[in-house]
Amino acid sequence: MRQELKRLQRELGISFIHVTHSQEEAMALADLLVVMESGHIRQSGTPREVFERPASEFIARFIGGHNVLPWKNGKDRGARRPLHARCGRRFSRG
């Protein structure tokens, strides 16, 4: 079904909105992925952008939770501080 939808989209040169609760389906079909929570758009981007740089813990868990790191910040509970990785990348708490 996914392949057929993609083929039709390419052949007819059309855009369409596909609403799904399946992360796998969304990642396979989307050129632009929009993640909503409680009726609000929380992040939009290519599937790769959303997967590699989720804007919040909710989105990271929605996409599969593969990139959710435990965060303990002691007395600064709830503070938004970046986490610096050895590879030089910065991660912010969502």
PDB file of N, CA and C in Angstrom:
ATOM      1  N   MET A   1       0.822  -1.195   0.000  1.00  0.00           N
ATOM      2  CA  MET A   1       0.000   0.000   0.000  1.00  0.00           C
ATOM      3  C   MET A   1       0.870   1.265   0.000  1.00  0.00           C
ATOM      4  N   ARG A   2       1.927   1.260   0.838  1.00  0.00           N
ATOM      5  CA  ARG A   2       2.819   2.424   0.896  1.00  0.00           C
ATOM      6  C   ARG A   2       3.448   2.704  -0.458  1.00  0.00           C
ATOM      7  N   GLN A   3       3.945   1.654  -1.071  1.00  0.00           N
ATOM      8  CA  GLN A   3       4.605   1.816  -2.369  1.00  0.00           C
ATOM      9  C   GLN A   3       3.634   2.335  -3.415  1.00  0.00           C
ATOM     10  N   GLU A   4       2.412   1.861  -3.358  1.00  0.00           N
ATOM     11  CA  GLU A   4       1.394   2.302  -4.308  1.00  0.00           C
ATOM     12  C   GLU A   4       1.079   3.791  -4.113  1.00  0.00           C
ATOM     13  N   LEU A   5       0.959   4.224  -2.852  1.00  0.00           N
ATOM     14  CA  LEU A   5       0.692   5.645  -2.574  1.00  0.00           C
ATOM     15  C   LEU A   5       1.835   6.522  -3.070  1.00  0.00           C
ATOM     16  N   LYS A   6       3.059   6.105  -2.803  1.00  0.00           N
ATOM     17  CA  LYS A   6       4.226   6.873  -3.260  1.00  0.00           C
ATOM     18  C   LYS A   6       4.272   6.926  -4.788  1.00  0.00           C
ATOM     19  N   ARG A   7       3.983   5.800  -5.431  1.00  0.00           N
ATOM     20  CA  ARG A   7       3.992   5.757  -6.891  1.00  0.00           C
ATOM     21  C   ARG A   7       2.951   6.706  -7.473  1.00  0.00           C
ATOM     22  N   LEU A   8       1.741   6.672  -6.934  1.00  0.00           N
ATOM     23  CA  LEU A   8       0.683   7.571  -7.411  1.00  0.00           C
ATOM     24  C   LEU A   8       1.071   9.037  -7.216  1.00  0.00           C
ATOM     25  N   GLN A   9       1.640   9.332  -6.083  1.00  0.00           N
ATOM     26  CA  GLN A   9       2.053  10.711  -5.810  1.00  0.00           C
ATOM     27  C   GLN A   9       3.079  11.184  -6.843  1.00  0.00           C
ATOM     28  N   ARG A  10       4.067  10.342  -7.115  1.00  0.00           N
ATOM     29  CA  ARG A  10       5.103  10.697  -8.099  1.00  0.00           C
ATOM     30  C   ARG A  10       4.524  10.824  -9.507  1.00  0.00           C
ATOM     31  N   GLU A  11       3.762   9.828  -9.922  1.00  0.00           N
ATOM     32  CA  GLU A  11       3.232   9.805 -11.285  1.00  0.00           C
ATOM     33  C   GLU A  11       2.253  10.937 -11.568  1.00  0.00           C
ATOM     34  N   LEU A  12       1.404  11.243 -10.595  1.00  0.00           N
ATOM     35  CA  LEU A  12       0.398  12.284 -10.791  1.00  0.00           C
ATOM     36  C   LEU A  12       0.911  13.678 -10.411  1.00  0.00           C
ATOM     37  N   GLY A  13       2.060  13.722  -9.744  1.00  0.00           N
ATOM     38  CA  GLY A  13       2.624  15.008  -9.336  1.00  0.00           C
ATOM     39  C   GLY A  13       1.747  15.750  -8.344  1.00  0.00           C
ATOM     40  N   ILE A  14       1.149  15.012  -7.427  1.00  0.00           N
ATOM     41  CA  ILE A  14       0.226  15.618  -6.467  1.00  0.00           C
ATOM     42  C   ILE A  14       0.798  15.597  -5.047  1.00  0.00           C
ATOM     43  N   SER A  15       0.228  16.441  -4.232  1.00  0.00           N
ATOM     44  CA  SER A  15       0.518  16.421  -2.800  1.00  0.00           C
ATOM     45  C   SER A  15      -0.682  15.807  -2.101  1.00  0.00           C
ATOM     46  N   PHE A  16      -0.436  15.137  -0.998  1.00  0.00           N
ATOM     47  CA  PHE A  16      -1.555  14.650  -0.214  1.00  0.00           C
ATOM     48  C   PHE A  16      -1.187  14.621   1.260  1.00  0.00           C
ATOM     49  N   ILE A  17      -2.191  14.670   2.081  1.00  0.00           N
ATOM     50  CA  ILE A  17      -2.014  14.593   3.530  1.00  0.00           C
ATOM     51  C   ILE A  17      -2.424  13.201   3.958  1.00  0.00           C
ATOM     52  N   HIS A  18      -1.527  12.534   4.610  1.00  0.00           N
ATOM     53  CA  HIS A  18      -1.783  11.178   5.093  1.00  0.00           C
ATOM     54  C   HIS A  18      -1.712  11.226   6.622  1.00  0.00           C
ATOM     55  N   VAL A  19      -2.815  10.984   7.274  1.00  0.00           N
ATOM     56  CA  VAL A  19      -2.866  11.014   8.737  1.00  0.00           C
ATOM     57  C   VAL A  19      -2.719   9.592   9.245  1.00  0.00           C
ATOM     58  N   THR A  20      -1.771   9.382  10.147  1.00  0.00           N
ATOM     59  CA  THR A  20      -1.527   8.048  10.684  1.00  0.00           C
ATOM     60  C   THR A  20      -1.020   8.143  12.115  1.00  0.00           C
ATOM     61  N   HIS A  21      -1.209   7.072  12.849  1.00  0.00           N
ATOM     62  CA  HIS A  21      -0.623   6.954  14.183  1.00  0.00           C
ATOM     63  C   HIS A  21       0.576   6.008  14.139  1.00  0.00           C
ATOM     64  N   SER A  22       0.906   5.543  12.957  1.00  0.00           N
ATOM     65  CA  SER A  22       2.018   4.621  12.780  1.00  0.00           C
ATOM     66  C   SER A  22       3.290   5.399  12.450  1.00  0.00           C
ATOM     67  N   GLN A  23       4.239   5.359  13.356  1.00  0.00           N
ATOM     68  CA  GLN A  23       5.505   6.046  13.123  1.00  0.00           C
ATOM     69  C   GLN A  23       6.223   5.452  11.917  1.00  0.00           C
ATOM     70  N   GLU A  24       6.180   4.139  11.788  1.00  0.00           N
ATOM     71  CA  GLU A  24       6.844   3.477  10.662  1.00  0.00           C
ATOM     72  C   GLU A  24       6.266   3.944   9.327  1.00  0.00           C
ATOM     73  N   GLU A  25       4.957   4.026   9.272  1.00  0.00           N
ATOM     74  CA  GLU A  25       4.291   4.472   8.049  1.00  0.00           C
ATOM     75  C   GLU A  25       4.621   5.933   7.756  1.00  0.00           C
ATOM     76  N   ALA A  26       4.598   6.762   8.772  1.00  0.00           N
ATOM     77  CA  ALA A  26       4.902   8.180   8.594  1.00  0.00           C
ATOM     78  C   ALA A  26       6.329   8.373   8.081  1.00  0.00           C
ATOM     79  N   MET A  27       7.266   7.647   8.661  1.00  0.00           N
ATOM     80  CA  MET A  27       8.659   7.783   8.250  1.00  0.00           C
ATOM     81  C   MET A  27       8.862   7.287   6.816  1.00  0.00           C
ATOM     82  N   ALA A  28       8.113   6.270   6.406  1.00  0.00           N
ATOM     83  CA  ALA A  28       8.267   5.701   5.067  1.00  0.00           C
ATOM     84  C   ALA A  28       7.632   6.561   3.986  1.00  0.00           C
ATOM     85  N   LEU A  29       6.510   7.210   4.287  1.00  0.00           N
ATOM     86  CA  LEU A  29       5.759   7.930   3.262  1.00  0.00           C
ATOM     87  C   LEU A  29       6.055   9.422   3.174  1.00  0.00           C
ATOM     88  N   ALA A  30       6.421  10.027   4.259  1.00  0.00           N
ATOM     89  CA  ALA A  30       6.444  11.488   4.327  1.00  0.00           C
ATOM     90  C   ALA A  30       7.647  12.125   3.639  1.00  0.00           C
ATOM     91  N   ASP A  31       7.368  13.226   2.969  1.00  0.00           N
ATOM     92  CA  ASP A  31       8.422  14.155   2.551  1.00  0.00           C
ATOM     93  C   ASP A  31       8.553  15.216   3.631  1.00  0.00           C
ATOM     94  N   LEU A  32       7.407  15.588   4.218  1.00  0.00           N
ATOM     95  CA  LEU A  32       7.342  16.509   5.346  1.00  0.00           C
ATOM     96  C   LEU A  32       6.545  15.811   6.438  1.00  0.00           C
ATOM     97  N   LEU A  33       7.137  15.708   7.615  1.00  0.00           N
ATOM     98  CA  LEU A  33       6.508  15.034   8.749  1.00  0.00           C
ATOM     99  C   LEU A  33       6.091  16.081   9.767  1.00  0.00           C
ATOM    100  N   VAL A  34       4.857  16.006  10.233  1.00  0.00           N
ATOM    101  CA  VAL A  34       4.352  16.926  11.248  1.00  0.00           C
ATOM    102  C   VAL A  34       3.917  16.088  12.440  1.00  0.00           C
ATOM    103  N   VAL A  35       4.482  16.367  13.608  1.00  0.00           N
ATOM    104  CA  VAL A  35       4.116  15.650  14.831  1.00  0.00           C
ATOM    105  C   VAL A  35       3.229  16.569  15.657  1.00  0.00           C
ATOM    106  N   MET A  36       2.049  16.036  16.011  1.00  0.00           N
ATOM    107  CA  MET A  36       1.087  16.816  16.800  1.00  0.00           C
ATOM    108  C   MET A  36       0.897  16.166  18.167  1.00  0.00           C
ATOM    109  N   GLU A  37       0.618  17.014  19.145  1.00  0.00           N
ATOM    110  CA  GLU A  37       0.295  16.559  20.494  1.00  0.00           C
ATOM    111  C   GLU A  37      -0.835  17.425  21.003  1.00  0.00           C
ATOM    112  N   SER A  38      -1.909  16.809  21.454  1.00  0.00           N
ATOM    113  CA  SER A  38      -3.066  17.524  21.995  1.00  0.00           C
ATOM    114  C   SER A  38      -3.571  18.602  21.036  1.00  0.00           C
ATOM    115  N   GLY A  39      -3.562  18.298  19.746  1.00  0.00           N
ATOM    116  CA  GLY A  39      -4.087  19.220  18.745  1.00  0.00           C
ATOM    117  C   GLY A  39      -3.152  20.343  18.346  1.00  0.00           C
ATOM    118  N   HIS A  40      -1.901  20.313  18.825  1.00  0.00           N
ATOM    119  CA  HIS A  40      -0.919  21.360  18.507  1.00  0.00           C
ATOM    120  C   HIS A  40       0.261  20.753  17.765  1.00  0.00           C
ATOM    121  N   ILE A  41       0.746  21.475  16.769  1.00  0.00           N
ATOM    122  CA  ILE A  41       1.944  21.046  16.055  1.00  0.00           C
ATOM    123  C   ILE A  41       3.139  21.259  16.972  1.00  0.00           C
ATOM    124  N   ARG A  42       3.875  20.193  17.231  1.00  0.00           N
ATOM    125  CA  ARG A  42       5.054  20.268  18.100  1.00  0.00           C
ATOM    126  C   ARG A  42       6.355  20.328  17.314  1.00  0.00           C
ATOM    127  N   GLN A  43       6.367  19.723  16.102  1.00  0.00           N
ATOM    128  CA  GLN A  43       7.562  19.786  15.262  1.00  0.00           C
ATOM    129  C   GLN A  43       7.183  19.393  13.847  1.00  0.00           C
ATOM    130  N   SER A  44       7.856  20.011  12.890  1.00  0.00           N
ATOM    131  CA  SER A  44       7.712  19.609  11.498  1.00  0.00           C
ATOM    132  C   SER A  44       9.090  19.624  10.854  1.00  0.00           C
ATOM    133  N   GLY A  45       9.265  18.783   9.878  1.00  0.00           N
ATOM    134  CA  GLY A  45      10.532  18.685   9.167  1.00  0.00           C
ATOM    135  C   GLY A  45      10.549  17.415   8.360  1.00  0.00           C
ATOM    136  N   THR A  46      11.661  17.128   7.733  1.00  0.00           N
ATOM    137  CA  THR A  46      11.770  15.865   7.017  1.00  0.00           C
ATOM    138  C   THR A  46      11.796  14.748   8.061  1.00  0.00           C
ATOM    139  N   PRO A  47      11.426  13.539   7.665  1.00  0.00           N
ATOM    140  CA  PRO A  47      11.491  12.438   8.625  1.00  0.00           C
ATOM    141  C   PRO A  47      12.881  12.302   9.259  1.00  0.00           C
ATOM    142  N   ARG A  48      13.908  12.497   8.460  1.00  0.00           N
ATOM    143  CA  ARG A  48      15.275  12.391   8.993  1.00  0.00           C
ATOM    144  C   ARG A  48      15.557  13.477  10.035  1.00  0.00           C
ATOM    145  N   GLU A  49      15.146  14.723   9.742  1.00  0.00           N
ATOM    146  CA  GLU A  49      15.360  15.821  10.700  1.00  0.00           C
ATOM    147  C   GLU A  49      14.651  15.553  12.019  1.00  0.00           C
ATOM    148  N   VAL A  50      13.402  15.113  11.937  1.00  0.00           N
ATOM    149  CA  VAL A  50      12.624  14.855  13.152  1.00  0.00           C
ATOM    150  C   VAL A  50      13.237  13.695  13.937  1.00  0.00           C
ATOM    151  N   PHE A  51      13.672  12.665  13.242  1.00  0.00           N
ATOM    152  CA  PHE A  51      14.280  11.509  13.907  1.00  0.00           C
ATOM    153  C   PHE A  51      15.610  11.880  14.550  1.00  0.00           C
ATOM    154  N   GLU A  52      16.448  12.614  13.825  1.00  0.00           N
ATOM    155  CA  GLU A  52      17.790  12.929  14.320  1.00  0.00           C
ATOM    156  C   GLU A  52      17.814  14.090  15.309  1.00  0.00           C
ATOM    157  N   ARG A  53      16.837  15.005  15.220  1.00  0.00           N
ATOM    158  CA  ARG A  53      16.823  16.172  16.104  1.00  0.00           C
ATOM    159  C   ARG A  53      15.411  16.423  16.644  1.00  0.00           C
ATOM    160  N   PRO A  54      14.889  15.507  17.443  1.00  0.00           N
ATOM    161  CA  PRO A  54      13.547  15.728  17.998  1.00  0.00           C
ATOM    162  C   PRO A  54      13.543  16.978  18.874  1.00  0.00           C
ATOM    163  N   ALA A  55      12.467  17.748  18.791  1.00  0.00           N
ATOM    164  CA  ALA A  55      12.383  19.016  19.524  1.00  0.00           C
ATOM    165  C   ALA A  55      12.062  18.831  21.000  1.00  0.00           C
ATOM    166  N   SER A  56      11.593  17.655  21.378  1.00  0.00           N
ATOM    167  CA  SER A  56      11.241  17.422  22.784  1.00  0.00           C
ATOM    168  C   SER A  56      11.322  15.939  23.091  1.00  0.00           C
ATOM    169  N   GLU A  57      11.233  15.633  24.369  1.00  0.00           N
ATOM    170  CA  GLU A  57      11.219  14.237  24.788  1.00  0.00           C
ATOM    171  C   GLU A  57       9.988  13.525  24.229  1.00  0.00           C
ATOM    172  N   PHE A  58       8.842  14.223  24.199  1.00  0.00           N
ATOM    173  CA  PHE A  58       7.622  13.635  23.648  1.00  0.00           C
ATOM    174  C   PHE A  58       7.854  13.156  22.214  1.00  0.00           C
ATOM    175  N   ILE A  59       8.474  14.007  21.403  1.00  0.00           N
ATOM    176  CA  ILE A  59       8.707  13.660  19.998  1.00  0.00           C
ATOM    177  C   ILE A  59       9.721  12.523  19.892  1.00  0.00           C
ATOM    178  N   ALA A  60      10.766  12.567  20.695  1.00  0.00           N
ATOM    179  CA  ALA A  60      11.762  11.491  20.673  1.00  0.00           C
ATOM    180  C   ALA A  60      11.113  10.158  21.017  1.00  0.00           C
ATOM    181  N   ARG A  61      10.259  10.150  22.015  1.00  0.00           N
ATOM    182  CA  ARG A  61       9.571   8.907  22.392  1.00  0.00           C
ATOM    183  C   ARG A  61       8.564   8.492  21.319  1.00  0.00           C
ATOM    184  N   PHE A  62       7.891   9.453  20.719  1.00  0.00           N
ATOM    185  CA  PHE A  62       6.931   9.158  19.659  1.00  0.00           C
ATOM    186  C   PHE A  62       7.624   8.491  18.481  1.00  0.00           C
ATOM    187  N   ILE A  63       8.773   8.999  18.116  1.00  0.00           N
ATOM    188  CA  ILE A  63       9.512   8.474  16.973  1.00  0.00           C
ATOM    189  C   ILE A  63      10.096   7.100  17.278  1.00  0.00           C
ATOM    190  N   GLY A  64      10.220   6.760  18.541  1.00  0.00           N
ATOM    191  CA  GLY A  64      10.697   5.421  18.873  1.00  0.00           C
ATOM    192  C   GLY A  64      11.525   5.353  20.140  1.00  0.00           C
ATOM    193  N   GLY A  65      11.887   6.484  20.698  1.00  0.00           N
ATOM    194  CA  GLY A  65      12.615   6.488  21.960  1.00  0.00           C
ATOM    195  C   GLY A  65      14.062   6.053  21.866  1.00  0.00           C
ATOM    196  N   HIS A  66      14.579   5.892  20.649  1.00  0.00           N
ATOM    197  CA  HIS A  66      15.952   5.419  20.497  1.00  0.00           C
ATOM    198  C   HIS A  66      16.980   6.444  20.961  1.00  0.00           C
ATOM    199  N   ASN A  67      16.579   7.713  20.942  1.00  0.00           N
ATOM    200  CA  ASN A  67      17.544   8.753  21.275  1.00  0.00           C
ATOM    201  C   ASN A  67      17.136   9.544  22.511  1.00  0.00           C
ATOM    202  N   VAL A  68      16.483   8.887  23.474  1.00  0.00           N
ATOM    203  CA  VAL A  68      16.118   9.533  24.725  1.00  0.00           C
ATOM    204  C   VAL A  68      17.146   9.134  25.769  1.00  0.00           C
ATOM    205  N   LEU A  69      17.801  10.135  26.342  1.00  0.00           N
ATOM    206  CA  LEU A  69      18.824   9.885  27.353  1.00  0.00           C
ATOM    207  C   LEU A  69      18.271  10.253  28.729  1.00  0.00           C
ATOM    208  N   PRO A  70      18.569   9.442  29.744  1.00  0.00           N
ATOM    209  CA  PRO A  70      18.143   9.830  31.092  1.00  0.00           C
ATOM    210  C   PRO A  70      18.851  11.126  31.490  1.00  0.00           C
ATOM    211  N   TRP A  71      18.158  11.979  32.190  1.00  0.00           N
ATOM    212  CA  TRP A  71      18.712  13.282  32.544  1.00  0.00           C
ATOM    213  C   TRP A  71      18.477  13.534  34.026  1.00  0.00           C
ATOM    214  N   LYS A  72      19.538  13.624  34.780  1.00  0.00           N
ATOM    215  CA  LYS A  72      19.424  13.957  36.197  1.00  0.00           C
ATOM    216  C   LYS A  72      20.180  15.249  36.394  1.00  0.00           C
ATOM    217  N   ASN A  73      19.491  16.210  36.959  1.00  0.00           N
ATOM    218  CA  ASN A  73      20.086  17.535  37.068  1.00  0.00           C
ATOM    219  C   ASN A  73      20.079  18.026  38.512  1.00  0.00           C
ATOM    220  N   GLY A  74      19.962  17.109  39.461  1.00  0.00           N
ATOM    221  CA  GLY A  74      20.049  17.457  40.870  1.00  0.00           C
ATOM    222  C   GLY A  74      19.141  18.582  41.298  1.00  0.00           C
ATOM    223  N   LYS A  75      19.703  19.586  41.946  1.00  0.00           N
ATOM    224  CA  LYS A  75      18.915  20.685  42.513  1.00  0.00           C
ATOM    225  C   LYS A  75      18.289  21.587  41.460  1.00  0.00           C
ATOM    226  N   ASP A  76      18.825  21.587  40.241  1.00  0.00           N
ATOM    227  CA  ASP A  76      18.283  22.434  39.177  1.00  0.00           C
ATOM    228  C   ASP A  76      17.149  21.742  38.436  1.00  0.00           C
ATOM    229  N   ARG A  77      16.378  20.943  39.138  1.00  0.00           N
ATOM    230  CA  ARG A  77      15.295  20.176  38.515  1.00  0.00           C
ATOM    231  C   ARG A  77      14.451  21.066  37.602  1.00  0.00           C
ATOM    232  N   GLY A  78      14.287  20.642  36.379  1.00  0.00           N
ATOM    233  CA  GLY A  78      13.478  21.392  35.430  1.00  0.00           C
ATOM    234  C   GLY A  78      14.254  22.443  34.653  1.00  0.00           C
ATOM    235  N   ALA A  79      15.505  22.692  35.041  1.00  0.00           N
ATOM    236  CA  ALA A  79      16.304  23.694  34.321  1.00  0.00           C
ATOM    237  C   ALA A  79      16.618  23.187  32.924  1.00  0.00           C
ATOM    238  N   ARG A  80      16.725  24.104  32.001  1.00  0.00           N
ATOM    239  CA  ARG A  80      17.046  23.727  30.622  1.00  0.00           C
ATOM    240  C   ARG A  80      18.518  24.021  30.376  1.00  0.00           C
ATOM    241  N   ARG A  81      19.315  22.998  30.512  1.00  0.00           N
ATOM    242  CA  ARG A  81      20.744  23.134  30.274  1.00  0.00           C
ATOM    243  C   ARG A  81      21.155  22.206  29.151  1.00  0.00           C
ATOM    244  N   PRO A  82      22.079  22.647  28.318  1.00  0.00           N
ATOM    245  CA  PRO A  82      22.511  21.759  27.232  1.00  0.00           C
ATOM    246  C   PRO A  82      23.393  20.636  27.758  1.00  0.00           C
ATOM    247  N   LEU A  83      23.339  19.517  27.090  1.00  0.00           N
ATOM    248  CA  LEU A  83      24.211  18.389  27.363  1.00  0.00           C
ATOM    249  C   LEU A  83      25.233  18.373  26.244  1.00  0.00           C
ATOM    250  N   HIS A  84      26.502  18.368  26.593  1.00  0.00           N
ATOM    251  CA  HIS A  84      27.562  18.366  25.585  1.00  0.00           C
ATOM    252  C   HIS A  84      28.111  16.948  25.447  1.00  0.00           C
ATOM    253  N   ALA A  85      28.118  16.441  24.240  1.00  0.00           N
ATOM    254  CA  ALA A  85      28.639  15.105  23.977  1.00  0.00           C
ATOM    255  C   ALA A  85      30.093  15.205  23.549  1.00  0.00           C
ATOM    256  N   ARG A  86      30.809  14.128  23.706  1.00  0.00           N
ATOM    257  CA  ARG A  86      32.228  14.118  23.331  1.00  0.00           C
ATOM    258  C   ARG A  86      32.443  14.410  21.851  1.00  0.00           C
ATOM    259  N   CYS A  87      31.441  14.103  21.019  1.00  0.00           N
ATOM    260  CA  CYS A  87      31.592  14.347  19.583  1.00  0.00           C
ATOM    261  C   CYS A  87      31.434  15.828  19.243  1.00  0.00           C
ATOM    262  N   GLY A  88      31.155  16.672  20.261  1.00  0.00           N
ATOM    263  CA  GLY A  88      31.034  18.101  20.028  1.00  0.00           C
ATOM    264  C   GLY A  88      29.612  18.588  19.828  1.00  0.00           C
ATOM    265  N   ARG A  89      28.640  17.667  19.755  1.00  0.00           N
ATOM    266  CA  ARG A  89      27.246  18.067  19.568  1.00  0.00           C
ATOM    267  C   ARG A  89      26.645  18.508  20.884  1.00  0.00           C
ATOM    268  N   ARG A  90      25.694  19.420  20.799  1.00  0.00           N
ATOM    269  CA  ARG A  90      24.950  19.905  21.966  1.00  0.00           C
ATOM    270  C   ARG A  90      23.546  19.358  21.920  1.00  0.00           C
ATOM    271  N   PHE A  91      23.041  18.953  23.058  1.00  0.00           N
ATOM    272  CA  PHE A  91      21.683  18.467  23.173  1.00  0.00           C
ATOM    273  C   PHE A  91      20.999  19.269  24.257  1.00  0.00           C
ATOM    274  N   SER A  92      19.764  19.674  24.023  1.00  0.00           N
ATOM    275  CA  SER A  92      19.024  20.431  25.021  1.00  0.00           C
ATOM    276  C   SER A  92      17.889  19.593  25.551  1.00  0.00           C
ATOM    277  N   ARG A  93      17.585  19.801  26.793  1.00  0.00           N
ATOM    278  CA  ARG A  93      16.469  19.093  27.420  1.00  0.00           C
ATOM    279  C   ARG A  93      15.164  19.682  26.910  1.00  0.00           C
ATOM    280  N   GLY A  94      14.230  18.823  26.501  1.00  0.00           N
ATOM    281  CA  GLY A  94      12.974  19.278  25.932  1.00  0.00           C
ATOM    282  C   GLY A  94      11.905  19.536  26.931  1.00  0.00           C
TER     283      GLY A  94
END
